[in-house]
Amino acid sequence: MLLLQQMLQVDPKKWISVKNLLSHPWIMQDYNCPVEWQSKTPLIHLGEDYVMELSVRHRNNRQMMEDLISLLETSARRKLQLKFQ
């Protein structure tokens, strides 16, 4: 029941981490070692229309907006790597 509660938390700060989820005894039942998890999709992927819309909305040129998105993606990826280590 605790696992289910951790998975259904509304507050993201209380969510069970993927690492803890994959090594949970209920998930590990009938397995010898935890599943190794790594996302196969980019963390952030925005189409050209979205980038253009963000550029107009925030009054930045397109290149500046692409640079900001790239910076955010890199920062978020590092945080996730630290969280799942």
PDB file of N, CA and C in Angstrom:
ATOM      1  N   MET A   1       0.821  -1.186   0.000  1.00  0.00           N
ATOM      2  CA  MET A   1       0.000   0.000   0.000  1.00  0.00           C
ATOM      3  C   MET A   1       0.873   1.262   0.000  1.00  0.00           C
ATOM      4  N   LEU A   2       1.999   1.240   0.715  1.00  0.00           N
ATOM      5  CA  LEU A   2       2.890   2.399   0.768  1.00  0.00           C
ATOM      6  C   LEU A   2       3.425   2.729  -0.627  1.00  0.00           C
ATOM      7  N   LEU A   3       3.783   1.723  -1.401  1.00  0.00           N
ATOM      8  CA  LEU A   3       4.284   1.951  -2.754  1.00  0.00           C
ATOM      9  C   LEU A   3       3.236   2.679  -3.587  1.00  0.00           C
ATOM     10  N   LEU A   4       2.024   2.240  -3.519  1.00  0.00           N
ATOM     11  CA  LEU A   4       0.949   2.871  -4.270  1.00  0.00           C
ATOM     12  C   LEU A   4       0.751   4.323  -3.831  1.00  0.00           C
ATOM     13  N   GLN A   5       0.822   4.571  -2.545  1.00  0.00           N
ATOM     14  CA  GLN A   5       0.691   5.937  -2.034  1.00  0.00           C
ATOM     15  C   GLN A   5       1.827   6.819  -2.554  1.00  0.00           C
ATOM     16  N   GLN A   6       3.038   6.272  -2.588  1.00  0.00           N
ATOM     17  CA  GLN A   6       4.180   7.047  -3.078  1.00  0.00           C
ATOM     18  C   GLN A   6       4.054   7.341  -4.574  1.00  0.00           C
ATOM     19  N   MET A   7       3.465   6.425  -5.303  1.00  0.00           N
ATOM     20  CA  MET A   7       3.304   6.611  -6.746  1.00  0.00           C
ATOM     21  C   MET A   7       2.179   7.593  -7.072  1.00  0.00           C
ATOM     22  N   LEU A   8       1.202   7.717  -6.195  1.00  0.00           N
ATOM     23  CA  LEU A   8       0.041   8.565  -6.460  1.00  0.00           C
ATOM     24  C   LEU A   8       0.100   9.924  -5.761  1.00  0.00           C
ATOM     25  N   GLN A   9       1.234  10.271  -5.211  1.00  0.00           N
ATOM     26  CA  GLN A   9       1.394  11.557  -4.529  1.00  0.00           C
ATOM     27  C   GLN A   9       1.116  12.719  -5.479  1.00  0.00           C
ATOM     28  N   VAL A  10       0.420  13.719  -4.997  1.00  0.00           N
ATOM     29  CA  VAL A  10       0.176  14.922  -5.773  1.00  0.00           C
ATOM     30  C   VAL A  10       1.403  15.831  -5.726  1.00  0.00           C
ATOM     31  N   ASP A  11       2.044  15.894  -4.585  1.00  0.00           N
ATOM     32  CA  ASP A  11       3.223  16.745  -4.399  1.00  0.00           C
ATOM     33  C   ASP A  11       4.455  16.066  -5.008  1.00  0.00           C
ATOM     34  N   PRO A  12       5.039  16.644  -6.065  1.00  0.00           N
ATOM     35  CA  PRO A  12       6.201  16.028  -6.716  1.00  0.00           C
ATOM     36  C   PRO A  12       7.368  15.773  -5.772  1.00  0.00           C
ATOM     37  N   LYS A  13       7.491  16.567  -4.710  1.00  0.00           N
ATOM     38  CA  LYS A  13       8.588  16.383  -3.762  1.00  0.00           C
ATOM     39  C   LYS A  13       8.452  15.070  -2.990  1.00  0.00           C
ATOM     40  N   LYS A  14       7.239  14.526  -2.950  1.00  0.00           N
ATOM     41  CA  LYS A  14       6.995  13.285  -2.219  1.00  0.00           C
ATOM     42  C   LYS A  14       6.936  12.062  -3.131  1.00  0.00           C
ATOM     43  N   TRP A  15       7.105  12.256  -4.439  1.00  0.00           N
ATOM     44  CA  TRP A  15       7.071  11.132  -5.371  1.00  0.00           C
ATOM     45  C   TRP A  15       8.215  10.170  -5.082  1.00  0.00           C
ATOM     46  N   ILE A  16       7.971   8.908  -5.299  1.00  0.00           N
ATOM     47  CA  ILE A  16       9.040   7.908  -5.198  1.00  0.00           C
ATOM     48  C   ILE A  16       9.948   8.095  -6.416  1.00  0.00           C
ATOM     49  N   SER A  17      11.238   7.990  -6.210  1.00  0.00           N
ATOM     50  CA  SER A  17      12.163   8.134  -7.340  1.00  0.00           C
ATOM     51  C   SER A  17      12.104   6.878  -8.200  1.00  0.00           C
ATOM     52  N   VAL A  18      12.497   7.018  -9.452  1.00  0.00           N
ATOM     53  CA  VAL A  18      12.514   5.866 -10.358  1.00  0.00           C
ATOM     54  C   VAL A  18      13.459   4.801  -9.820  1.00  0.00           C
ATOM     55  N   LYS A  19      14.582   5.233  -9.305  1.00  0.00           N
ATOM     56  CA  LYS A  19      15.563   4.281  -8.756  1.00  0.00           C
ATOM     57  C   LYS A  19      14.945   3.474  -7.604  1.00  0.00           C
ATOM     58  N   ASN A  20      14.272   4.156  -6.677  1.00  0.00           N
ATOM     59  CA  ASN A  20      13.640   3.456  -5.557  1.00  0.00           C
ATOM     60  C   ASN A  20      12.468   2.596  -6.015  1.00  0.00           C
ATOM     61  N   LEU A  21      11.736   3.070  -6.993  1.00  0.00           N
ATOM     62  CA  LEU A  21      10.617   2.294  -7.521  1.00  0.00           C
ATOM     63  C   LEU A  21      11.112   0.984  -8.129  1.00  0.00           C
ATOM     64  N   LEU A  22      12.147   1.076  -8.951  1.00  0.00           N
ATOM     65  CA  LEU A  22      12.637  -0.119  -9.637  1.00  0.00           C
ATOM     66  C   LEU A  22      13.345  -1.104  -8.719  1.00  0.00           C
ATOM     67  N   SER A  23      13.730  -0.660  -7.538  1.00  0.00           N
ATOM     68  CA  SER A  23      14.369  -1.583  -6.591  1.00  0.00           C
ATOM     69  C   SER A  23      13.434  -1.964  -5.442  1.00  0.00           C
ATOM     70  N   HIS A  24      12.183  -1.538  -5.516  1.00  0.00           N
ATOM     71  CA  HIS A  24      11.204  -1.854  -4.467  1.00  0.00           C
ATOM     72  C   HIS A  24      10.967  -3.374  -4.417  1.00  0.00           C
ATOM     73  N   PRO A  25      10.828  -3.957  -3.226  1.00  0.00           N
ATOM     74  CA  PRO A  25      10.642  -5.409  -3.093  1.00  0.00           C
ATOM     75  C   PRO A  25       9.467  -5.963  -3.906  1.00  0.00           C
ATOM     76  N   TRP A  26       8.374  -5.224  -4.009  1.00  0.00           N
ATOM     77  CA  TRP A  26       7.232  -5.723  -4.766  1.00  0.00           C
ATOM     78  C   TRP A  26       7.551  -5.801  -6.250  1.00  0.00           C
ATOM     79  N   ILE A  27       8.277  -4.795  -6.754  1.00  0.00           N
ATOM     80  CA  ILE A  27       8.689  -4.783  -8.155  1.00  0.00           C
ATOM     81  C   ILE A  27       9.753  -5.852  -8.401  1.00  0.00           C
ATOM     82  N   MET A  28      10.634  -6.039  -7.430  1.00  0.00           N
ATOM     83  CA  MET A  28      11.757  -6.973  -7.566  1.00  0.00           C
ATOM     84  C   MET A  28      11.356  -8.443  -7.414  1.00  0.00           C
ATOM     85  N   GLN A  29      10.142  -8.690  -7.021  1.00  0.00           N
ATOM     86  CA  GLN A  29       9.676 -10.064  -6.832  1.00  0.00           C
ATOM     87  C   GLN A  29       9.978 -10.878  -8.092  1.00  0.00           C
ATOM     88  N   ASP A  30      10.643 -11.984  -7.938  1.00  0.00           N
ATOM     89  CA  ASP A  30      11.032 -12.895  -9.018  1.00  0.00           C
ATOM     90  C   ASP A  30      12.180 -12.382  -9.893  1.00  0.00           C
ATOM     91  N   TYR A  31      12.864 -11.323  -9.459  1.00  0.00           N
ATOM     92  CA  TYR A  31      14.022 -10.825 -10.198  1.00  0.00           C
ATOM     93  C   TYR A  31      15.238 -10.804  -9.272  1.00  0.00           C
ATOM     94  N   ASN A  32      16.419 -10.971  -9.870  1.00  0.00           N
ATOM     95  CA  ASN A  32      17.661 -10.998  -9.094  1.00  0.00           C
ATOM     96  C   ASN A  32      18.282  -9.623  -8.882  1.00  0.00           C
ATOM     97  N   CYS A  33      18.087  -8.725  -9.839  1.00  0.00           N
ATOM     98  CA  CYS A  33      18.687  -7.389  -9.725  1.00  0.00           C
ATOM     99  C   CYS A  33      17.728  -6.352 -10.293  1.00  0.00           C
ATOM    100  N   PRO A  34      17.837  -5.103  -9.825  1.00  0.00           N
ATOM    101  CA  PRO A  34      16.935  -4.055 -10.293  1.00  0.00           C
ATOM    102  C   PRO A  34      17.114  -3.746 -11.776  1.00  0.00           C
ATOM    103  N   VAL A  35      16.080  -3.231 -12.359  1.00  0.00           N
ATOM    104  CA  VAL A  35      16.120  -2.831 -13.765  1.00  0.00           C
ATOM    105  C   VAL A  35      16.913  -1.536 -13.877  1.00  0.00           C
ATOM    106  N   GLU A  36      17.781  -1.467 -14.865  1.00  0.00           N
ATOM    107  CA  GLU A  36      18.515  -0.235 -15.129  1.00  0.00           C
ATOM    108  C   GLU A  36      17.624   0.631 -16.007  1.00  0.00           C
ATOM    109  N   TRP A  37      17.406   1.870 -15.597  1.00  0.00           N
ATOM    110  CA  TRP A  37      16.516   2.749 -16.344  1.00  0.00           C
ATOM    111  C   TRP A  37      17.254   3.947 -16.880  1.00  0.00           C
ATOM    112  N   GLN A  38      16.984   4.240 -18.154  1.00  0.00           N
ATOM    113  CA  GLN A  38      17.506   5.450 -18.767  1.00  0.00           C
ATOM    114  C   GLN A  38      16.523   5.844 -19.863  1.00  0.00           C
ATOM    115  N   SER A  39      16.137   7.107 -19.870  1.00  0.00           N
ATOM    116  CA  SER A  39      15.180   7.591 -20.852  1.00  0.00           C
ATOM    117  C   SER A  39      15.758   7.482 -22.255  1.00  0.00           C
ATOM    118  N   LYS A  40      14.917   7.071 -23.199  1.00  0.00           N
ATOM    119  CA  LYS A  40      15.349   6.983 -24.587  1.00  0.00           C
ATOM    120  C   LYS A  40      14.972   8.232 -25.378  1.00  0.00           C
ATOM    121  N   THR A  41      14.219   9.130 -24.760  1.00  0.00           N
ATOM    122  CA  THR A  41      13.798  10.346 -25.449  1.00  0.00           C
ATOM    123  C   THR A  41      14.451  11.554 -24.799  1.00  0.00           C
ATOM    124  N   PRO A  42      14.682  12.591 -25.575  1.00  0.00           N
ATOM    125  CA  PRO A  42      15.250  13.811 -24.988  1.00  0.00           C
ATOM    126  C   PRO A  42      14.326  14.355 -23.908  1.00  0.00           C
ATOM    127  N   LEU A  43      14.913  14.976 -22.918  1.00  0.00           N
ATOM    128  CA  LEU A  43      14.131  15.522 -21.828  1.00  0.00           C
ATOM    129  C   LEU A  43      13.185  16.605 -22.328  1.00  0.00           C
ATOM    130  N   ILE A  44      13.690  17.481 -23.140  1.00  0.00           N
ATOM    131  CA  ILE A  44      12.876  18.556 -23.697  1.00  0.00           C
ATOM    132  C   ILE A  44      13.037  18.533 -25.213  1.00  0.00           C
ATOM    133  N   HIS A  45      11.922  18.410 -25.904  1.00  0.00           N
ATOM    134  CA  HIS A  45      11.965  18.517 -27.360  1.00  0.00           C
ATOM    135  C   HIS A  45      10.778  19.369 -27.786  1.00  0.00           C
ATOM    136  N   LEU A  46      11.072  20.563 -28.254  1.00  0.00           N
ATOM    137  CA  LEU A  46      10.022  21.469 -28.693  1.00  0.00           C
ATOM    138  C   LEU A  46      10.131  21.672 -30.193  1.00  0.00           C
ATOM    139  N   GLY A  47       8.996  21.617 -30.863  1.00  0.00           N
ATOM    140  CA  GLY A  47       8.971  21.854 -32.302  1.00  0.00           C
ATOM    141  C   GLY A  47       9.262  23.306 -32.638  1.00  0.00           C
ATOM    142  N   GLU A  48       9.513  23.554 -33.912  1.00  0.00           N
ATOM    143  CA  GLU A  48       9.857  24.899 -34.364  1.00  0.00           C
ATOM    144  C   GLU A  48       8.756  25.909 -34.047  1.00  0.00           C
ATOM    145  N   ASP A  49       7.500  25.486 -34.165  1.00  0.00           N
ATOM    146  CA  ASP A  49       6.386  26.400 -33.882  1.00  0.00           C
ATOM    147  C   ASP A  49       6.402  26.855 -32.432  1.00  0.00           C
ATOM    148  N   TYR A  50       6.706  25.934 -31.514  1.00  0.00           N
ATOM    149  CA  TYR A  50       6.747  26.276 -30.093  1.00  0.00           C
ATOM    150  C   TYR A  50       7.893  27.238 -29.789  1.00  0.00           C
ATOM    151  N   VAL A  51       9.039  26.982 -30.404  1.00  0.00           N
ATOM    152  CA  VAL A  51      10.188  27.859 -30.188  1.00  0.00           C
ATOM    153  C   VAL A  51       9.865  29.265 -30.694  1.00  0.00           C
ATOM    154  N   MET A  52       9.231  29.340 -31.858  1.00  0.00           N
ATOM    155  CA  MET A  52       8.864  30.639 -32.412  1.00  0.00           C
ATOM    156  C   MET A  52       7.843  31.350 -31.517  1.00  0.00           C
ATOM    157  N   GLU A  53       6.862  30.603 -31.028  1.00  0.00           N
ATOM    158  CA  GLU A  53       5.845  31.170 -30.138  1.00  0.00           C
ATOM    159  C   GLU A  53       6.493  31.706 -28.853  1.00  0.00           C
ATOM    160  N   LEU A  54       7.422  30.935 -28.285  1.00  0.00           N
ATOM    161  CA  LEU A  54       8.131  31.390 -27.085  1.00  0.00           C
ATOM    162  C   LEU A  54       8.956  32.646 -27.379  1.00  0.00           C
ATOM    163  N   SER A  55       9.583  32.685 -28.542  1.00  0.00           N
ATOM    164  CA  SER A  55      10.394  33.843 -28.928  1.00  0.00           C
ATOM    165  C   SER A  55       9.540  35.101 -28.994  1.00  0.00           C
ATOM    166  N   VAL A  56       8.389  34.990 -29.628  1.00  0.00           N
ATOM    167  CA  VAL A  56       7.496  36.141 -29.760  1.00  0.00           C
ATOM    168  C   VAL A  56       6.967  36.553 -28.387  1.00  0.00           C
ATOM    169  N   ARG A  57       6.523  35.573 -27.623  1.00  0.00           N
ATOM    170  CA  ARG A  57       5.918  35.870 -26.314  1.00  0.00           C
ATOM    171  C   ARG A  57       6.914  36.557 -25.370  1.00  0.00           C
ATOM    172  N   HIS A  58       8.151  36.100 -25.392  1.00  0.00           N
ATOM    173  CA  HIS A  58       9.155  36.645 -24.462  1.00  0.00           C
ATOM    174  C   HIS A  58      10.032  37.723 -25.104  1.00  0.00           C
ATOM    175  N   ARG A  59       9.683  38.095 -26.325  1.00  0.00           N
ATOM    176  CA  ARG A  59      10.385  39.168 -27.046  1.00  0.00           C
ATOM    177  C   ARG A  59      11.884  38.916 -27.155  1.00  0.00           C
ATOM    178  N   ASN A  60      12.225  37.683 -27.489  1.00  0.00           N
ATOM    179  CA  ASN A  60      13.623  37.311 -27.743  1.00  0.00           C
ATOM    180  C   ASN A  60      13.720  36.821 -29.180  1.00  0.00           C
ATOM    181  N   ASN A  61      14.929  36.897 -29.739  1.00  0.00           N
ATOM    182  CA  ASN A  61      15.062  36.324 -31.073  1.00  0.00           C
ATOM    183  C   ASN A  61      15.105  34.796 -30.963  1.00  0.00           C
ATOM    184  N   ARG A  62      14.888  34.147 -32.070  1.00  0.00           N
ATOM    185  CA  ARG A  62      14.786  32.683 -32.102  1.00  0.00           C
ATOM    186  C   ARG A  62      16.044  32.002 -31.560  1.00  0.00           C
ATOM    187  N   GLN A  63      17.216  32.478 -31.953  1.00  0.00           N
ATOM    188  CA  GLN A  63      18.473  31.856 -31.509  1.00  0.00           C
ATOM    189  C   GLN A  63      18.631  31.954 -30.003  1.00  0.00           C
ATOM    190  N   MET A  64      18.283  33.105 -29.438  1.00  0.00           N
ATOM    191  CA  MET A  64      18.382  33.269 -27.990  1.00  0.00           C
ATOM    192  C   MET A  64      17.445  32.282 -27.285  1.00  0.00           C
ATOM    193  N   MET A  65      16.235  32.104 -27.824  1.00  0.00           N
ATOM    194  CA  MET A  65      15.283  31.185 -27.212  1.00  0.00           C
ATOM    195  C   MET A  65      15.795  29.738 -27.312  1.00  0.00           C
ATOM    196  N   GLU A  66      16.356  29.355 -28.448  1.00  0.00           N
ATOM    197  CA  GLU A  66      16.925  28.008 -28.590  1.00  0.00           C
ATOM    198  C   GLU A  66      18.062  27.794 -27.593  1.00  0.00           C
ATOM    199  N   ASP A  67      18.895  28.821 -27.399  1.00  0.00           N
ATOM    200  CA  ASP A  67      19.991  28.725 -26.430  1.00  0.00           C
ATOM    201  C   ASP A  67      19.463  28.556 -25.004  1.00  0.00           C
ATOM    202  N   LEU A  68      18.410  29.306 -24.664  1.00  0.00           N
ATOM    203  CA  LEU A  68      17.807  29.181 -23.329  1.00  0.00           C
ATOM    204  C   LEU A  68      17.216  27.795 -23.113  1.00  0.00           C
ATOM    205  N   ILE A  69      16.530  27.282 -24.119  1.00  0.00           N
ATOM    206  CA  ILE A  69      15.938  25.941 -24.019  1.00  0.00           C
ATOM    207  C   ILE A  69      17.035  24.899 -23.838  1.00  0.00           C
ATOM    208  N   SER A  70      18.107  25.030 -24.601  1.00  0.00           N
ATOM    209  CA  SER A  70      19.232  24.096 -24.486  1.00  0.00           C
ATOM    210  C   SER A  70      19.862  24.152 -23.095  1.00  0.00           C
ATOM    211  N   LEU A  71      20.007  25.351 -22.563  1.00  0.00           N
ATOM    212  CA  LEU A  71      20.566  25.528 -21.226  1.00  0.00           C
ATOM    213  C   LEU A  71      19.664  24.863 -20.177  1.00  0.00           C
ATOM    214  N   LEU A  72      18.361  25.075 -20.293  1.00  0.00           N
ATOM    215  CA  LEU A  72      17.410  24.453 -19.363  1.00  0.00           C
ATOM    216  C   LEU A  72      17.449  22.931 -19.463  1.00  0.00           C
ATOM    217  N   GLU A  73      17.535  22.423 -20.687  1.00  0.00           N
ATOM    218  CA  GLU A  73      17.588  20.980 -20.884  1.00  0.00           C
ATOM    219  C   GLU A  73      18.831  20.383 -20.232  1.00  0.00           C
ATOM    220  N   THR A  74      19.969  21.023 -20.423  1.00  0.00           N
ATOM    221  CA  THR A  74      21.223  20.542 -19.835  1.00  0.00           C
ATOM    222  C   THR A  74      21.147  20.562 -18.312  1.00  0.00           C
ATOM    223  N   SER A  75      20.628  21.634 -17.760  1.00  0.00           N
ATOM    224  CA  SER A  75      20.496  21.763 -16.310  1.00  0.00           C
ATOM    225  C   SER A  75      19.563  20.702 -15.745  1.00  0.00           C
ATOM    226  N   ALA A  76      18.422  20.497 -16.391  1.00  0.00           N
ATOM    227  CA  ALA A  76      17.456  19.497 -15.924  1.00  0.00           C
ATOM    228  C   ALA A  76      18.043  18.095 -16.014  1.00  0.00           C
ATOM    229  N   ARG A  77      18.767  17.805 -17.079  1.00  0.00           N
ATOM    230  CA  ARG A  77      19.372  16.476 -17.242  1.00  0.00           C
ATOM    231  C   ARG A  77      20.388  16.202 -16.131  1.00  0.00           C
ATOM    232  N   ARG A  78      21.187  17.221 -15.772  1.00  0.00           N
ATOM    233  CA  ARG A  78      22.169  17.059 -14.695  1.00  0.00           C
ATOM    234  C   ARG A  78      21.485  16.792 -13.363  1.00  0.00           C
ATOM    235  N   LYS A  79      20.408  17.529 -13.106  1.00  0.00           N
ATOM    236  CA  LYS A  79      19.664  17.328 -11.851  1.00  0.00           C
ATOM    237  C   LYS A  79      19.099  15.913 -11.788  1.00  0.00           C
ATOM    238  N   LEU A  80      18.577  15.428 -12.909  1.00  0.00           N
ATOM    239  CA  LEU A  80      18.028  14.065 -12.924  1.00  0.00           C
ATOM    240  C   LEU A  80      19.123  13.029 -12.711  1.00  0.00           C
ATOM    241  N   GLN A  81      20.275  13.244 -13.325  1.00  0.00           N
ATOM    242  CA  GLN A  81      21.375  12.308 -13.142  1.00  0.00           C
ATOM    243  C   GLN A  81      21.798  12.248 -11.683  1.00  0.00           C
ATOM    244  N   LEU A  82      21.875  13.393 -11.031  1.00  0.00           N
ATOM    245  CA  LEU A  82      22.238  13.420  -9.612  1.00  0.00           C
ATOM    246  C   LEU A  82      21.165  12.747  -8.765  1.00  0.00           C
ATOM    247  N   LYS A  83      19.902  12.963  -9.101  1.00  0.00           N
ATOM    248  CA  LYS A  83      18.805  12.400  -8.329  1.00  0.00           C
ATOM    249  C   LYS A  83      18.786  10.871  -8.400  1.00  0.00           C
ATOM    250  N   PHE A  84      19.125  10.310  -9.558  1.00  0.00           N
ATOM    251  CA  PHE A  84      19.013   8.864  -9.755  1.00  0.00           C
ATOM    252  C   PHE A  84      20.316   8.123  -9.484  1.00  0.00           C
ATOM    253  N   GLN A  85      21.328   8.800  -8.974  1.00  0.00           N
ATOM    254  CA  GLN A  85      22.586   8.115  -8.662  1.00  0.00           C
ATOM    255  C   GLN A  85      22.524   7.501  -7.297  1.00  0.00           C
TER     256      GLN A  85
END
